[in-house]
Amino acid sequence: MNQSERRGYALKAGEGIHINFRGTRMTVKVSDEQSEGMYSLLEMVHPPNIGPALHIHPKGAEAFYVLGGAYTIRSGEEMYEASPGDFVFIPKGVVHNYHSGEQGGKVLVLAPSGLENYFAEVARTLSIGPITWELEQEIAKRYGQEFLDHLTHWG
C-alpha cells in the first residue's frame, strides 16, 4: 500500500462490498486488503434459524457484536445467548459456530483476515449451481476456515 492509499474512509449505512451468501446479506466494511491482512469486518443480516457448522479459524480470532435479533453462539463448550448490544469473542483455534434466532438477526463480525473471500467465492459458485461439501471445504481452508461437520451447515 503506497502513501496515497494510506487514508481512512467512511461508509454510510448500506455501503461496502455486498455479498449474498445463502440468504444472508453481507456487507464488507473492511476487507483483508484494506486492513493489510490484519482482519476483516463484516456486517451480516441473517434470516431466521441459520448458521454455519462447527468450525475453527486456525489463524485468527473472531468476534461478534449483535446489532439486532438474537443469536446462540457456541465457543468451545460455552453457549451464549446474545441479543442487541451483546458481544462474544472467540479466540483463535477455538471450535465455534452460531445460529440466528426465530426472527433472524444482524451482527457485526470482526473476522480473520480474508474470510470475506470464502463467502464471496461460495456465493459465486452457488450462483452457477449446487456446491459439494468437498468443494466448500476446499474453499474454506483456502481462506482460513476449517469446518468440523456438515450436519447443520447453514440450515
N, C-alpha and C. Protein backbone atom coordinates (compact mmCIF):
# COMPACT_ATOMS: atom_id res chain seq x y z
N MET A 1 0.85 -1.17 0.00
CA MET A 1 0.00 0.00 0.00
C MET A 1 0.90 1.23 0.00
N ASN A 2 0.77 2.08 -1.02
CA ASN A 2 1.60 3.27 -1.07
C ASN A 2 1.00 4.38 -0.21
N GLN A 3 1.77 5.46 -0.05
CA GLN A 3 1.36 6.54 0.85
C GLN A 3 0.02 7.16 0.45
N SER A 4 -0.27 7.30 -0.86
CA SER A 4 -1.54 7.91 -1.27
C SER A 4 -2.73 7.01 -0.94
N GLU A 5 -2.48 5.70 -0.75
CA GLU A 5 -3.56 4.77 -0.40
C GLU A 5 -3.76 4.65 1.11
N ARG A 6 -2.90 5.26 1.90
CA ARG A 6 -2.95 5.13 3.36
C ARG A 6 -3.86 6.20 3.97
N ARG A 7 -5.09 6.20 3.54
CA ARG A 7 -6.08 7.13 4.08
C ARG A 7 -7.22 6.32 4.65
N GLY A 8 -7.85 6.85 5.62
CA GLY A 8 -9.05 6.23 6.14
C GLY A 8 -10.22 6.48 5.20
N TYR A 9 -11.36 5.98 5.55
CA TYR A 9 -12.55 6.21 4.74
C TYR A 9 -13.76 6.06 5.64
N ALA A 10 -14.88 6.53 5.16
CA ALA A 10 -16.14 6.41 5.88
C ALA A 10 -17.16 5.78 4.95
N LEU A 11 -18.00 4.96 5.52
CA LEU A 11 -19.08 4.33 4.76
C LEU A 11 -20.40 4.69 5.42
N LYS A 12 -21.36 5.04 4.61
CA LYS A 12 -22.72 5.27 5.10
C LYS A 12 -23.40 3.92 5.30
N ALA A 13 -24.53 3.92 5.98
CA ALA A 13 -25.30 2.70 6.17
C ALA A 13 -25.57 2.06 4.82
N GLY A 14 -25.33 0.76 4.73
CA GLY A 14 -25.57 0.02 3.50
C GLY A 14 -24.43 0.05 2.51
N GLU A 15 -23.42 0.88 2.75
CA GLU A 15 -22.29 0.95 1.83
C GLU A 15 -21.25 -0.10 2.17
N GLY A 16 -20.52 -0.52 1.16
CA GLY A 16 -19.47 -1.52 1.28
C GLY A 16 -19.63 -2.53 0.16
N ILE A 17 -18.87 -3.58 0.21
CA ILE A 17 -18.95 -4.64 -0.79
C ILE A 17 -20.05 -5.60 -0.36
N HIS A 18 -21.01 -5.87 -1.25
CA HIS A 18 -22.17 -6.70 -0.91
C HIS A 18 -21.99 -8.13 -1.39
N ILE A 19 -22.35 -9.06 -0.50
CA ILE A 19 -22.31 -10.49 -0.81
C ILE A 19 -23.63 -11.10 -0.34
N ASN A 20 -24.30 -11.83 -1.23
CA ASN A 20 -25.50 -12.57 -0.84
C ASN A 20 -25.08 -14.03 -0.69
N PHE A 21 -25.01 -14.48 0.55
CA PHE A 21 -24.50 -15.81 0.86
C PHE A 21 -25.60 -16.65 1.49
N ARG A 22 -26.20 -17.51 0.72
CA ARG A 22 -27.23 -18.42 1.21
C ARG A 22 -28.34 -17.70 1.98
N GLY A 23 -28.77 -16.57 1.44
CA GLY A 23 -29.85 -15.82 2.07
C GLY A 23 -29.38 -14.82 3.11
N THR A 24 -28.12 -14.89 3.50
CA THR A 24 -27.54 -13.92 4.42
C THR A 24 -26.97 -12.78 3.61
N ARG A 25 -27.40 -11.57 3.95
CA ARG A 25 -26.89 -10.38 3.27
C ARG A 25 -25.68 -9.88 4.04
N MET A 26 -24.56 -9.83 3.35
CA MET A 26 -23.32 -9.37 3.98
C MET A 26 -22.84 -8.09 3.32
N THR A 27 -22.29 -7.22 4.15
CA THR A 27 -21.65 -6.02 3.65
C THR A 27 -20.25 -5.99 4.25
N VAL A 28 -19.25 -6.05 3.37
CA VAL A 28 -17.86 -5.98 3.82
C VAL A 28 -17.54 -4.52 4.09
N LYS A 29 -17.22 -4.21 5.33
CA LYS A 29 -16.88 -2.85 5.73
C LYS A 29 -15.37 -2.62 5.65
N VAL A 30 -14.60 -3.65 6.02
CA VAL A 30 -13.14 -3.61 5.90
C VAL A 30 -12.71 -4.97 5.36
N SER A 31 -12.01 -4.96 4.24
CA SER A 31 -11.54 -6.22 3.64
C SER A 31 -10.12 -6.54 4.10
N ASP A 32 -9.73 -7.75 3.80
CA ASP A 32 -8.37 -8.22 4.04
C ASP A 32 -7.36 -7.23 3.45
N GLU A 33 -7.59 -6.84 2.22
CA GLU A 33 -6.67 -5.93 1.53
C GLU A 33 -6.63 -4.56 2.22
N GLN A 34 -7.79 -4.04 2.61
CA GLN A 34 -7.84 -2.71 3.23
C GLN A 34 -7.17 -2.69 4.60
N SER A 35 -7.20 -3.81 5.32
CA SER A 35 -6.58 -3.86 6.65
C SER A 35 -5.15 -4.36 6.61
N GLU A 36 -4.62 -4.51 5.39
CA GLU A 36 -3.26 -5.03 5.19
C GLU A 36 -3.10 -6.40 5.85
N GLY A 37 -4.14 -7.23 5.70
CA GLY A 37 -4.08 -8.60 6.19
C GLY A 37 -4.28 -8.79 7.68
N MET A 38 -4.75 -7.75 8.36
CA MET A 38 -4.92 -7.84 9.83
C MET A 38 -6.26 -8.47 10.22
N TYR A 39 -7.36 -8.11 9.54
CA TYR A 39 -8.70 -8.59 9.88
C TYR A 39 -9.66 -8.23 8.76
N SER A 40 -10.86 -8.73 8.87
CA SER A 40 -11.97 -8.33 8.00
C SER A 40 -13.13 -7.94 8.92
N LEU A 41 -13.91 -6.96 8.50
CA LEU A 41 -15.07 -6.52 9.28
C LEU A 41 -16.30 -6.64 8.39
N LEU A 42 -17.26 -7.46 8.84
CA LEU A 42 -18.44 -7.77 8.04
C LEU A 42 -19.71 -7.47 8.82
N GLU A 43 -20.66 -6.84 8.16
CA GLU A 43 -21.99 -6.69 8.72
C GLU A 43 -22.84 -7.77 8.06
N MET A 44 -23.51 -8.59 8.87
CA MET A 44 -24.31 -9.69 8.35
C MET A 44 -25.75 -9.57 8.82
N VAL A 45 -26.68 -9.75 7.89
CA VAL A 45 -28.10 -9.80 8.22
C VAL A 45 -28.56 -11.21 7.87
N HIS A 46 -28.89 -11.97 8.93
CA HIS A 46 -29.26 -13.38 8.77
C HIS A 46 -30.77 -13.58 8.78
N PRO A 47 -31.25 -14.47 7.92
CA PRO A 47 -32.64 -14.88 8.03
C PRO A 47 -32.81 -15.73 9.30
N PRO A 48 -34.03 -16.08 9.67
CA PRO A 48 -34.24 -16.88 10.87
C PRO A 48 -33.59 -18.26 10.80
N ASN A 49 -33.14 -18.71 11.96
CA ASN A 49 -32.70 -20.10 12.18
C ASN A 49 -31.66 -20.60 11.18
N ILE A 50 -30.55 -19.88 11.10
CA ILE A 50 -29.50 -20.26 10.15
C ILE A 50 -28.13 -20.00 10.76
N GLY A 51 -27.15 -20.76 10.31
CA GLY A 51 -25.77 -20.56 10.76
C GLY A 51 -24.87 -21.67 10.27
N PRO A 52 -23.57 -21.49 10.42
CA PRO A 52 -22.60 -22.45 9.92
C PRO A 52 -22.43 -23.66 10.85
N ALA A 53 -21.84 -24.69 10.29
CA ALA A 53 -21.45 -25.87 11.07
C ALA A 53 -20.32 -25.49 12.02
N LEU A 54 -20.04 -26.37 12.96
CA LEU A 54 -18.89 -26.16 13.84
C LEU A 54 -17.64 -25.99 13.00
N HIS A 55 -16.81 -25.01 13.38
CA HIS A 55 -15.60 -24.74 12.63
C HIS A 55 -14.57 -24.04 13.51
N ILE A 56 -13.37 -23.92 12.96
CA ILE A 56 -12.30 -23.18 13.63
C ILE A 56 -11.66 -22.23 12.62
N HIS A 57 -10.98 -21.23 13.16
CA HIS A 57 -10.14 -20.33 12.38
C HIS A 57 -8.73 -20.46 12.97
N PRO A 58 -7.87 -21.25 12.33
CA PRO A 58 -6.55 -21.51 12.92
C PRO A 58 -5.61 -20.31 12.90
N LYS A 59 -5.94 -19.27 12.14
CA LYS A 59 -5.01 -18.14 12.02
C LYS A 59 -5.49 -16.86 12.67
N GLY A 60 -6.69 -16.87 13.27
CA GLY A 60 -7.17 -15.63 13.86
C GLY A 60 -8.42 -15.81 14.68
N ALA A 61 -8.64 -14.85 15.56
CA ALA A 61 -9.83 -14.82 16.42
C ALA A 61 -11.02 -14.28 15.62
N GLU A 62 -12.21 -14.45 16.19
CA GLU A 62 -13.43 -13.91 15.60
C GLU A 62 -14.25 -13.30 16.73
N ALA A 63 -14.93 -12.20 16.43
CA ALA A 63 -15.74 -11.53 17.44
C ALA A 63 -17.07 -11.12 16.83
N PHE A 64 -18.12 -11.19 17.65
CA PHE A 64 -19.48 -10.88 17.21
C PHE A 64 -20.07 -9.78 18.09
N TYR A 65 -20.59 -8.73 17.47
CA TYR A 65 -21.31 -7.68 18.18
C TYR A 65 -22.71 -7.65 17.59
N VAL A 66 -23.69 -8.04 18.40
CA VAL A 66 -25.06 -8.18 17.91
C VAL A 66 -25.73 -6.81 17.81
N LEU A 67 -26.25 -6.53 16.61
CA LEU A 67 -26.92 -5.26 16.35
C LEU A 67 -28.45 -5.39 16.39
N GLY A 68 -28.95 -6.59 16.09
CA GLY A 68 -30.39 -6.81 16.08
C GLY A 68 -30.72 -8.28 16.13
N GLY A 69 -31.92 -8.61 16.55
CA GLY A 69 -32.34 -10.01 16.62
C GLY A 69 -31.67 -10.74 17.77
N ALA A 70 -31.50 -12.05 17.59
CA ALA A 70 -30.91 -12.87 18.64
C ALA A 70 -30.06 -13.97 18.00
N TYR A 71 -29.03 -14.39 18.74
CA TYR A 71 -28.13 -15.43 18.29
C TYR A 71 -27.79 -16.36 19.44
N THR A 72 -27.59 -17.62 19.11
CA THR A 72 -26.95 -18.56 20.02
C THR A 72 -25.56 -18.77 19.46
N ILE A 73 -24.55 -18.47 20.26
CA ILE A 73 -23.17 -18.55 19.81
C ILE A 73 -22.43 -19.53 20.70
N ARG A 74 -21.83 -20.53 20.07
CA ARG A 74 -21.04 -21.53 20.79
C ARG A 74 -19.56 -21.20 20.64
N SER A 75 -18.86 -21.22 21.77
CA SER A 75 -17.41 -21.04 21.80
C SER A 75 -16.85 -22.15 22.67
N GLY A 76 -16.24 -23.14 22.04
CA GLY A 76 -15.78 -24.30 22.80
C GLY A 76 -16.96 -25.00 23.42
N GLU A 77 -16.95 -25.15 24.73
CA GLU A 77 -18.06 -25.80 25.43
C GLU A 77 -19.10 -24.81 25.94
N GLU A 78 -18.82 -23.51 25.79
CA GLU A 78 -19.74 -22.47 26.27
C GLU A 78 -20.78 -22.13 25.22
N MET A 79 -22.01 -21.88 25.68
CA MET A 79 -23.09 -21.42 24.81
C MET A 79 -23.54 -20.05 25.32
N TYR A 80 -23.63 -19.10 24.42
CA TYR A 80 -24.05 -17.75 24.78
C TYR A 80 -25.33 -17.39 24.02
N GLU A 81 -26.29 -16.84 24.73
CA GLU A 81 -27.50 -16.29 24.12
C GLU A 81 -27.24 -14.79 24.00
N ALA A 82 -27.15 -14.30 22.78
CA ALA A 82 -26.75 -12.91 22.55
C ALA A 82 -27.88 -12.13 21.89
N SER A 83 -28.10 -10.91 22.38
CA SER A 83 -29.11 -10.01 21.84
C SER A 83 -28.47 -8.65 21.59
N PRO A 84 -29.20 -7.69 21.04
CA PRO A 84 -28.59 -6.41 20.68
C PRO A 84 -27.76 -5.79 21.80
N GLY A 85 -26.55 -5.40 21.43
CA GLY A 85 -25.61 -4.81 22.38
C GLY A 85 -24.66 -5.82 22.98
N ASP A 86 -24.94 -7.11 22.83
CA ASP A 86 -24.06 -8.14 23.39
C ASP A 86 -22.87 -8.40 22.47
N PHE A 87 -21.77 -8.82 23.08
CA PHE A 87 -20.52 -9.06 22.37
C PHE A 87 -19.99 -10.43 22.78
N VAL A 88 -19.50 -11.20 21.80
CA VAL A 88 -18.92 -12.51 22.07
C VAL A 88 -17.59 -12.60 21.33
N PHE A 89 -16.53 -12.98 22.04
CA PHE A 89 -15.19 -13.13 21.47
C PHE A 89 -14.83 -14.61 21.41
N ILE A 90 -14.32 -15.05 20.25
CA ILE A 90 -13.89 -16.43 20.05
C ILE A 90 -12.38 -16.41 19.78
N PRO A 91 -11.57 -16.97 20.67
CA PRO A 91 -10.12 -16.99 20.43
C PRO A 91 -9.73 -17.83 19.21
N LYS A 92 -8.59 -17.53 18.67
CA LYS A 92 -8.03 -18.28 17.54
C LYS A 92 -8.00 -19.77 17.85
N GLY A 93 -8.47 -20.59 16.88
CA GLY A 93 -8.39 -22.03 17.01
C GLY A 93 -9.45 -22.69 17.87
N VAL A 94 -10.38 -21.92 18.44
CA VAL A 94 -11.43 -22.49 19.30
C VAL A 94 -12.62 -22.90 18.43
N VAL A 95 -13.13 -24.10 18.66
CA VAL A 95 -14.30 -24.61 17.94
C VAL A 95 -15.49 -23.72 18.26
N HIS A 96 -16.22 -23.32 17.22
CA HIS A 96 -17.37 -22.44 17.45
C HIS A 96 -18.34 -22.51 16.28
N ASN A 97 -19.52 -21.95 16.51
CA ASN A 97 -20.50 -21.68 15.47
C ASN A 97 -21.54 -20.74 16.06
N TYR A 98 -22.50 -20.37 15.26
CA TYR A 98 -23.59 -19.51 15.72
C TYR A 98 -24.84 -19.86 14.94
N HIS A 99 -25.96 -19.45 15.49
CA HIS A 99 -27.25 -19.73 14.88
C HIS A 99 -28.14 -18.53 15.16
N SER A 100 -28.75 -17.99 14.12
CA SER A 100 -29.66 -16.85 14.31
C SER A 100 -30.96 -17.35 14.94
N GLY A 101 -31.65 -16.44 15.62
CA GLY A 101 -32.90 -16.78 16.30
C GLY A 101 -34.09 -16.83 15.37
N GLU A 102 -35.26 -16.97 15.97
CA GLU A 102 -36.51 -17.12 15.21
C GLU A 102 -36.85 -15.92 14.34
N GLN A 103 -36.35 -14.75 14.69
CA GLN A 103 -36.61 -13.54 13.90
C GLN A 103 -35.42 -13.15 13.03
N GLY A 104 -34.38 -14.00 13.00
CA GLY A 104 -33.16 -13.65 12.28
C GLY A 104 -32.33 -12.71 13.13
N GLY A 105 -31.40 -12.03 12.51
CA GLY A 105 -30.58 -11.11 13.27
C GLY A 105 -29.61 -10.33 12.41
N LYS A 106 -28.99 -9.36 13.05
CA LYS A 106 -27.99 -8.53 12.40
C LYS A 106 -26.79 -8.46 13.33
N VAL A 107 -25.60 -8.73 12.78
CA VAL A 107 -24.41 -8.81 13.62
C VAL A 107 -23.22 -8.19 12.88
N LEU A 108 -22.35 -7.56 13.64
CA LEU A 108 -21.09 -7.05 13.11
C LEU A 108 -20.02 -8.06 13.52
N VAL A 109 -19.28 -8.57 12.53
CA VAL A 109 -18.31 -9.64 12.79
C VAL A 109 -16.91 -9.15 12.46
N LEU A 110 -16.03 -9.19 13.45
CA LEU A 110 -14.61 -8.96 13.24
C LEU A 110 -14.04 -10.34 13.00
N ALA A 111 -13.59 -10.59 11.77
CA ALA A 111 -13.22 -11.94 11.34
C ALA A 111 -11.74 -12.02 10.99
N PRO A 112 -11.24 -13.25 10.97
CA PRO A 112 -9.87 -13.41 10.48
C PRO A 112 -9.75 -12.85 9.07
N SER A 113 -8.62 -12.29 8.79
CA SER A 113 -8.36 -11.65 7.51
C SER A 113 -8.68 -12.56 6.33
N GLY A 114 -9.46 -12.05 5.40
CA GLY A 114 -9.77 -12.77 4.17
C GLY A 114 -11.00 -13.64 4.21
N LEU A 115 -11.69 -13.72 5.35
CA LEU A 115 -12.87 -14.59 5.43
C LEU A 115 -13.94 -14.16 4.43
N GLU A 116 -13.99 -12.88 4.10
CA GLU A 116 -14.97 -12.41 3.13
C GLU A 116 -14.77 -13.09 1.77
N ASN A 117 -13.55 -13.50 1.48
CA ASN A 117 -13.27 -14.18 0.20
C ASN A 117 -13.90 -15.57 0.15
N TYR A 118 -13.97 -16.24 1.29
CA TYR A 118 -14.69 -17.53 1.36
C TYR A 118 -16.16 -17.31 1.00
N PHE A 119 -16.79 -16.34 1.66
CA PHE A 119 -18.20 -16.07 1.40
C PHE A 119 -18.43 -15.69 -0.07
N ALA A 120 -17.58 -14.83 -0.61
CA ALA A 120 -17.75 -14.38 -1.99
C ALA A 120 -17.57 -15.53 -2.98
N GLU A 121 -16.56 -16.37 -2.77
CA GLU A 121 -16.32 -17.47 -3.71
C GLU A 121 -17.43 -18.52 -3.66
N VAL A 122 -17.90 -18.85 -2.46
CA VAL A 122 -19.00 -19.81 -2.35
C VAL A 122 -20.27 -19.21 -2.98
N ALA A 123 -20.53 -17.93 -2.74
CA ALA A 123 -21.71 -17.28 -3.33
C ALA A 123 -21.64 -17.31 -4.86
N ARG A 124 -20.47 -17.03 -5.43
CA ARG A 124 -20.31 -17.09 -6.89
C ARG A 124 -20.56 -18.51 -7.41
N THR A 125 -20.03 -19.50 -6.71
CA THR A 125 -20.21 -20.89 -7.11
C THR A 125 -21.69 -21.28 -7.05
N LEU A 126 -22.37 -20.89 -5.98
CA LEU A 126 -23.79 -21.20 -5.83
C LEU A 126 -24.65 -20.50 -6.88
N SER A 127 -24.20 -19.36 -7.39
CA SER A 127 -24.97 -18.66 -8.42
C SER A 127 -24.96 -19.44 -9.74
N ILE A 128 -24.00 -20.33 -9.90
CA ILE A 128 -23.90 -21.17 -11.10
C ILE A 128 -24.65 -22.48 -10.91
N GLY A 129 -24.61 -23.02 -9.68
CA GLY A 129 -25.27 -24.29 -9.39
C GLY A 129 -24.90 -24.77 -8.00
N PRO A 130 -25.30 -25.99 -7.64
CA PRO A 130 -25.01 -26.52 -6.31
C PRO A 130 -23.50 -26.64 -6.07
N ILE A 131 -23.14 -26.65 -4.80
CA ILE A 131 -21.74 -26.82 -4.41
C ILE A 131 -21.62 -28.08 -3.57
N THR A 132 -20.60 -28.85 -3.80
CA THR A 132 -20.39 -30.05 -2.99
C THR A 132 -19.75 -29.66 -1.67
N TRP A 133 -19.94 -30.51 -0.67
CA TRP A 133 -19.32 -30.30 0.63
C TRP A 133 -17.81 -30.26 0.49
N GLU A 134 -17.26 -31.13 -0.35
CA GLU A 134 -15.81 -31.21 -0.54
C GLU A 134 -15.26 -29.90 -1.12
N LEU A 135 -15.95 -29.35 -2.12
CA LEU A 135 -15.50 -28.09 -2.70
C LEU A 135 -15.61 -26.95 -1.70
N GLU A 136 -16.70 -26.92 -0.95
CA GLU A 136 -16.83 -25.85 0.04
C GLU A 136 -15.74 -25.95 1.10
N GLN A 137 -15.41 -27.16 1.52
CA GLN A 137 -14.31 -27.37 2.47
C GLN A 137 -13.00 -26.82 1.91
N GLU A 138 -12.74 -27.11 0.64
CA GLU A 138 -11.51 -26.65 -0.01
C GLU A 138 -11.46 -25.11 -0.04
N ILE A 139 -12.57 -24.50 -0.41
CA ILE A 139 -12.63 -23.03 -0.45
C ILE A 139 -12.44 -22.46 0.95
N ALA A 140 -13.10 -23.04 1.93
CA ALA A 140 -12.99 -22.57 3.31
C ALA A 140 -11.54 -22.62 3.80
N LYS A 141 -10.87 -23.73 3.57
CA LYS A 141 -9.48 -23.86 4.03
C LYS A 141 -8.57 -22.82 3.37
N ARG A 142 -8.86 -22.52 2.11
CA ARG A 142 -8.06 -21.51 1.39
C ARG A 142 -8.11 -20.16 2.10
N TYR A 143 -9.22 -19.88 2.77
CA TYR A 143 -9.41 -18.58 3.41
C TYR A 143 -9.43 -18.65 4.94
N GLY A 144 -8.80 -19.68 5.50
CA GLY A 144 -8.59 -19.72 6.95
C GLY A 144 -9.75 -20.21 7.77
N GLN A 145 -10.53 -21.13 7.23
CA GLN A 145 -11.67 -21.68 7.97
C GLN A 145 -11.69 -23.19 7.76
N GLU A 146 -11.87 -23.94 8.83
CA GLU A 146 -11.95 -25.39 8.73
C GLU A 146 -13.23 -25.88 9.39
N PHE A 147 -14.12 -26.46 8.58
CA PHE A 147 -15.37 -27.00 9.10
C PHE A 147 -15.14 -28.38 9.70
N LEU A 148 -15.84 -28.64 10.80
CA LEU A 148 -15.66 -29.90 11.52
C LEU A 148 -16.82 -30.86 11.32
N ASP A 149 -17.95 -30.37 10.84
CA ASP A 149 -19.08 -31.22 10.49
C ASP A 149 -19.92 -30.51 9.45
N HIS A 150 -20.88 -31.18 8.88
CA HIS A 150 -21.73 -30.53 7.90
C HIS A 150 -23.21 -30.79 8.13
N LEU A 151 -23.54 -31.39 9.26
CA LEU A 151 -24.92 -31.77 9.51
C LEU A 151 -25.86 -30.58 9.67
N THR A 152 -25.37 -29.52 10.23
CA THR A 152 -26.23 -28.34 10.46
C THR A 152 -25.71 -27.12 9.73
N HIS A 153 -25.02 -27.31 8.62
CA HIS A 153 -24.39 -26.21 7.90
C HIS A 153 -25.41 -25.35 7.18
N TRP A 154 -25.57 -24.12 7.63
CA TRP A 154 -26.46 -23.11 7.05
C TRP A 154 -27.88 -23.60 6.87
N GLY A 155 -28.36 -24.33 7.87
CA GLY A 155 -29.73 -24.77 7.80
C GLY A 155 -30.24 -25.20 9.15
